[in-house]
Amino acid sequence: YCNVIIKAYDSNPFLDAAIYCWSVPLLLAFAVYRTSGV
């Protein structure tokens, strides 16, 4: 499964960049939501 993901990233760097650019702010927003919701 991991090998498939790595191959997908190698064949499509734009997808890798898009996932990276979207995952970081989403994780930050989730962390803020969790800390403020407690």
PDB file of N, CA and C in Angstrom:
ATOM      1  N   TYR A   1       0.842  -1.203   0.000  1.00  0.00           N
ATOM      2  CA  TYR A   1       0.000   0.000   0.000  1.00  0.00           C
ATOM      3  C   TYR A   1       0.875   1.250   0.000  1.00  0.00           C
ATOM      4  N   CYS A   2       1.879   1.253   0.853  1.00  0.00           N
ATOM      5  CA  CYS A   2       2.787   2.410   0.908  1.00  0.00           C
ATOM      6  C   CYS A   2       3.541   2.563  -0.410  1.00  0.00           C
ATOM      7  N   ASN A   3       3.914   1.442  -1.018  1.00  0.00           N
ATOM      8  CA  ASN A   3       4.634   1.504  -2.288  1.00  0.00           C
ATOM      9  C   ASN A   3       3.768   2.137  -3.361  1.00  0.00           C
ATOM     10  N   VAL A   4       2.473   1.862  -3.334  1.00  0.00           N
ATOM     11  CA  VAL A   4       1.557   2.445  -4.321  1.00  0.00           C
ATOM     12  C   VAL A   4       1.494   3.951  -4.138  1.00  0.00           C
ATOM     13  N   ILE A   5       1.450   4.395  -2.884  1.00  0.00           N
ATOM     14  CA  ILE A   5       1.393   5.833  -2.601  1.00  0.00           C
ATOM     15  C   ILE A   5       2.679   6.510  -3.075  1.00  0.00           C
ATOM     16  N   ILE A   6       3.823   5.883  -2.785  1.00  0.00           N
ATOM     17  CA  ILE A   6       5.108   6.453  -3.193  1.00  0.00           C
ATOM     18  C   ILE A   6       5.183   6.544  -4.716  1.00  0.00           C
ATOM     19  N   LYS A   7       4.732   5.505  -5.412  1.00  0.00           N
ATOM     20  CA  LYS A   7       4.759   5.522  -6.874  1.00  0.00           C
ATOM     21  C   LYS A   7       3.828   6.595  -7.409  1.00  0.00           C
ATOM     22  N   ALA A   8       2.686   6.782  -6.752  1.00  0.00           N
ATOM     23  CA  ALA A   8       1.739   7.808  -7.180  1.00  0.00           C
ATOM     24  C   ALA A   8       2.364   9.192  -7.008  1.00  0.00           C
ATOM     25  N   TYR A   9       3.089   9.392  -5.912  1.00  0.00           N
ATOM     26  CA  TYR A   9       3.758  10.672  -5.679  1.00  0.00           C
ATOM     27  C   TYR A   9       4.836  10.914  -6.730  1.00  0.00           C
ATOM     28  N   ASP A  10       5.596   9.854  -7.058  1.00  0.00           N
ATOM     29  CA  ASP A  10       6.666   9.995  -8.043  1.00  0.00           C
ATOM     30  C   ASP A  10       6.099  10.335  -9.416  1.00  0.00           C
ATOM     31  N   SER A  11       4.941   9.772  -9.739  1.00  0.00           N
ATOM     32  CA  SER A  11       4.370   9.999 -11.065  1.00  0.00           C
ATOM     33  C   SER A  11       3.583  11.300 -11.121  1.00  0.00           C
ATOM     34  N   ASN A  12       3.174  11.813  -9.956  1.00  0.00           N
ATOM     35  CA  ASN A  12       2.369  13.031  -9.934  1.00  0.00           C
ATOM     36  C   ASN A  12       2.810  13.933  -8.783  1.00  0.00           C
ATOM     37  N   PRO A  13       3.888  14.711  -8.973  1.00  0.00           N
ATOM     38  CA  PRO A  13       4.383  15.593  -7.907  1.00  0.00           C
ATOM     39  C   PRO A  13       3.381  16.677  -7.535  1.00  0.00           C
ATOM     40  N   PHE A  14       2.502  17.049  -8.476  1.00  0.00           N
ATOM     41  CA  PHE A  14       1.505  18.080  -8.176  1.00  0.00           C
ATOM     42  C   PHE A  14       0.527  17.576  -7.119  1.00  0.00           C
ATOM     43  N   LEU A  15       0.159  16.283  -7.239  1.00  0.00           N
ATOM     44  CA  LEU A  15      -0.744  15.690  -6.255  1.00  0.00           C
ATOM     45  C   LEU A  15      -0.080  15.688  -4.882  1.00  0.00           C
ATOM     46  N   ASP A  16       1.200  15.362  -4.842  1.00  0.00           N
ATOM     47  CA  ASP A  16       1.946  15.343  -3.591  1.00  0.00           C
ATOM     48  C   ASP A  16       1.963  16.734  -2.975  1.00  0.00           C
ATOM     49  N   ALA A  17       2.205  17.753  -3.793  1.00  0.00           N
ATOM     50  CA  ALA A  17       2.256  19.128  -3.305  1.00  0.00           C
ATOM     51  C   ALA A  17       0.880  19.571  -2.815  1.00  0.00           C
ATOM     52  N   ALA A  18      -0.166  19.172  -3.542  1.00  0.00           N
ATOM     53  CA  ALA A  18      -1.521  19.562  -3.159  1.00  0.00           C
ATOM     54  C   ALA A  18      -1.896  18.950  -1.812  1.00  0.00           C
ATOM     55  N   ILE A  19      -1.587  17.683  -1.630  1.00  0.00           N
ATOM     56  CA  ILE A  19      -1.899  17.003  -0.366  1.00  0.00           C
ATOM     57  C   ILE A  19      -1.117  17.649   0.774  1.00  0.00           C
ATOM     58  N   TYR A  20       0.158  17.967   0.516  1.00  0.00           N
ATOM     59  CA  TYR A  20       0.992  18.572   1.555  1.00  0.00           C
ATOM     60  C   TYR A  20       0.475  19.955   1.916  1.00  0.00           C
ATOM     61  N   CYS A  21       0.127  20.745   0.903  1.00  0.00           N
ATOM     62  CA  CYS A  21      -0.332  22.115   1.142  1.00  0.00           C
ATOM     63  C   CYS A  21      -1.674  22.128   1.870  1.00  0.00           C
ATOM     64  N   TRP A  22      -2.515  21.136   1.630  1.00  0.00           N
ATOM     65  CA  TRP A  22      -3.836  21.102   2.272  1.00  0.00           C
ATOM     66  C   TRP A  22      -3.795  20.438   3.636  1.00  0.00           C
ATOM     67  N   SER A  23      -2.898  19.451   3.827  1.00  0.00           N
ATOM     68  CA  SER A  23      -2.874  18.716   5.092  1.00  0.00           C
ATOM     69  C   SER A  23      -2.348  19.571   6.237  1.00  0.00           C
ATOM     70  N   VAL A  24      -1.359  20.429   5.954  1.00  0.00           N
ATOM     71  CA  VAL A  24      -0.764  21.245   7.017  1.00  0.00           C
ATOM     72  C   VAL A  24      -1.782  22.200   7.641  1.00  0.00           C
ATOM     73  N   PRO A  25      -2.468  23.061   6.857  1.00  0.00           N
ATOM     74  CA  PRO A  25      -3.452  23.970   7.457  1.00  0.00           C
ATOM     75  C   PRO A  25      -4.625  23.220   8.081  1.00  0.00           C
ATOM     76  N   LEU A  26      -4.995  22.069   7.523  1.00  0.00           N
ATOM     77  CA  LEU A  26      -6.089  21.284   8.104  1.00  0.00           C
ATOM     78  C   LEU A  26      -5.682  20.744   9.469  1.00  0.00           C
ATOM     79  N   LEU A  27      -4.448  20.265   9.587  1.00  0.00           N
ATOM     80  CA  LEU A  27      -3.976  19.762  10.874  1.00  0.00           C
ATOM     81  C   LEU A  27      -3.894  20.894  11.891  1.00  0.00           C
ATOM     82  N   LEU A  28      -3.432  22.068  11.459  1.00  0.00           N
ATOM     83  CA  LEU A  28      -3.358  23.219  12.360  1.00  0.00           C
ATOM     84  C   LEU A  28      -4.751  23.630  12.809  1.00  0.00           C
ATOM     85  N   ALA A  29      -5.688  23.677  11.878  1.00  0.00           N
ATOM     86  CA  ALA A  29      -7.062  24.056  12.216  1.00  0.00           C
ATOM     87  C   ALA A  29      -7.673  23.028  13.165  1.00  0.00           C
ATOM     88  N   PHE A  30      -7.392  21.751  12.939  1.00  0.00           N
ATOM     89  CA  PHE A  30      -7.913  20.698  13.806  1.00  0.00           C
ATOM     90  C   PHE A  30      -7.329  20.825  15.213  1.00  0.00           C
ATOM     91  N   ALA A  31      -6.033  21.138  15.294  1.00  0.00           N
ATOM     92  CA  ALA A  31      -5.386  21.294  16.598  1.00  0.00           C
ATOM     93  C   ALA A  31      -5.988  22.471  17.355  1.00  0.00           C
ATOM     94  N   VAL A  32      -6.215  23.581  16.662  1.00  0.00           N
ATOM     95  CA  VAL A  32      -6.812  24.759  17.296  1.00  0.00           C
ATOM     96  C   VAL A  32      -8.236  24.446  17.747  1.00  0.00           C
ATOM     97  N   TYR A  33      -8.969  23.720  16.920  1.00  0.00           N
ATOM     98  CA  TYR A  33     -10.350  23.357  17.251  1.00  0.00           C
ATOM     99  C   TYR A  33     -10.392  22.463  18.494  1.00  0.00           C
ATOM    100  N   ARG A  34      -9.464  21.512  18.564  1.00  0.00           N
ATOM    101  CA  ARG A  34      -9.419  20.598  19.705  1.00  0.00           C
ATOM    102  C   ARG A  34      -9.061  21.338  20.991  1.00  0.00           C
ATOM    103  N   THR A  35      -8.085  22.227  20.915  1.00  0.00           N
ATOM    104  CA  THR A  35      -7.630  22.928  22.119  1.00  0.00           C
ATOM    105  C   THR A  35      -8.666  23.946  22.580  1.00  0.00           C
ATOM    106  N   SER A  36      -9.358  24.576  21.647  1.00  0.00           N
ATOM    107  CA  SER A  36     -10.350  25.587  22.011  1.00  0.00           C
ATOM    108  C   SER A  36     -11.673  24.934  22.410  1.00  0.00           C
ATOM    109  N   GLY A  37     -11.919  23.716  21.943  1.00  0.00           N
ATOM    110  CA  GLY A  37     -13.179  23.039  22.232  1.00  0.00           C
ATOM    111  C   GLY A  37     -13.191  22.397  23.615  1.00  0.00           C
ATOM    112  N   VAL A  38     -12.014  22.161  24.172  1.00  0.00           N
ATOM    113  CA  VAL A  38     -11.935  21.493  25.476  1.00  0.00           C
ATOM    114  C   VAL A  38     -12.416  22.418  26.586  1.00  0.00           C
TER     115      VAL A  38
END
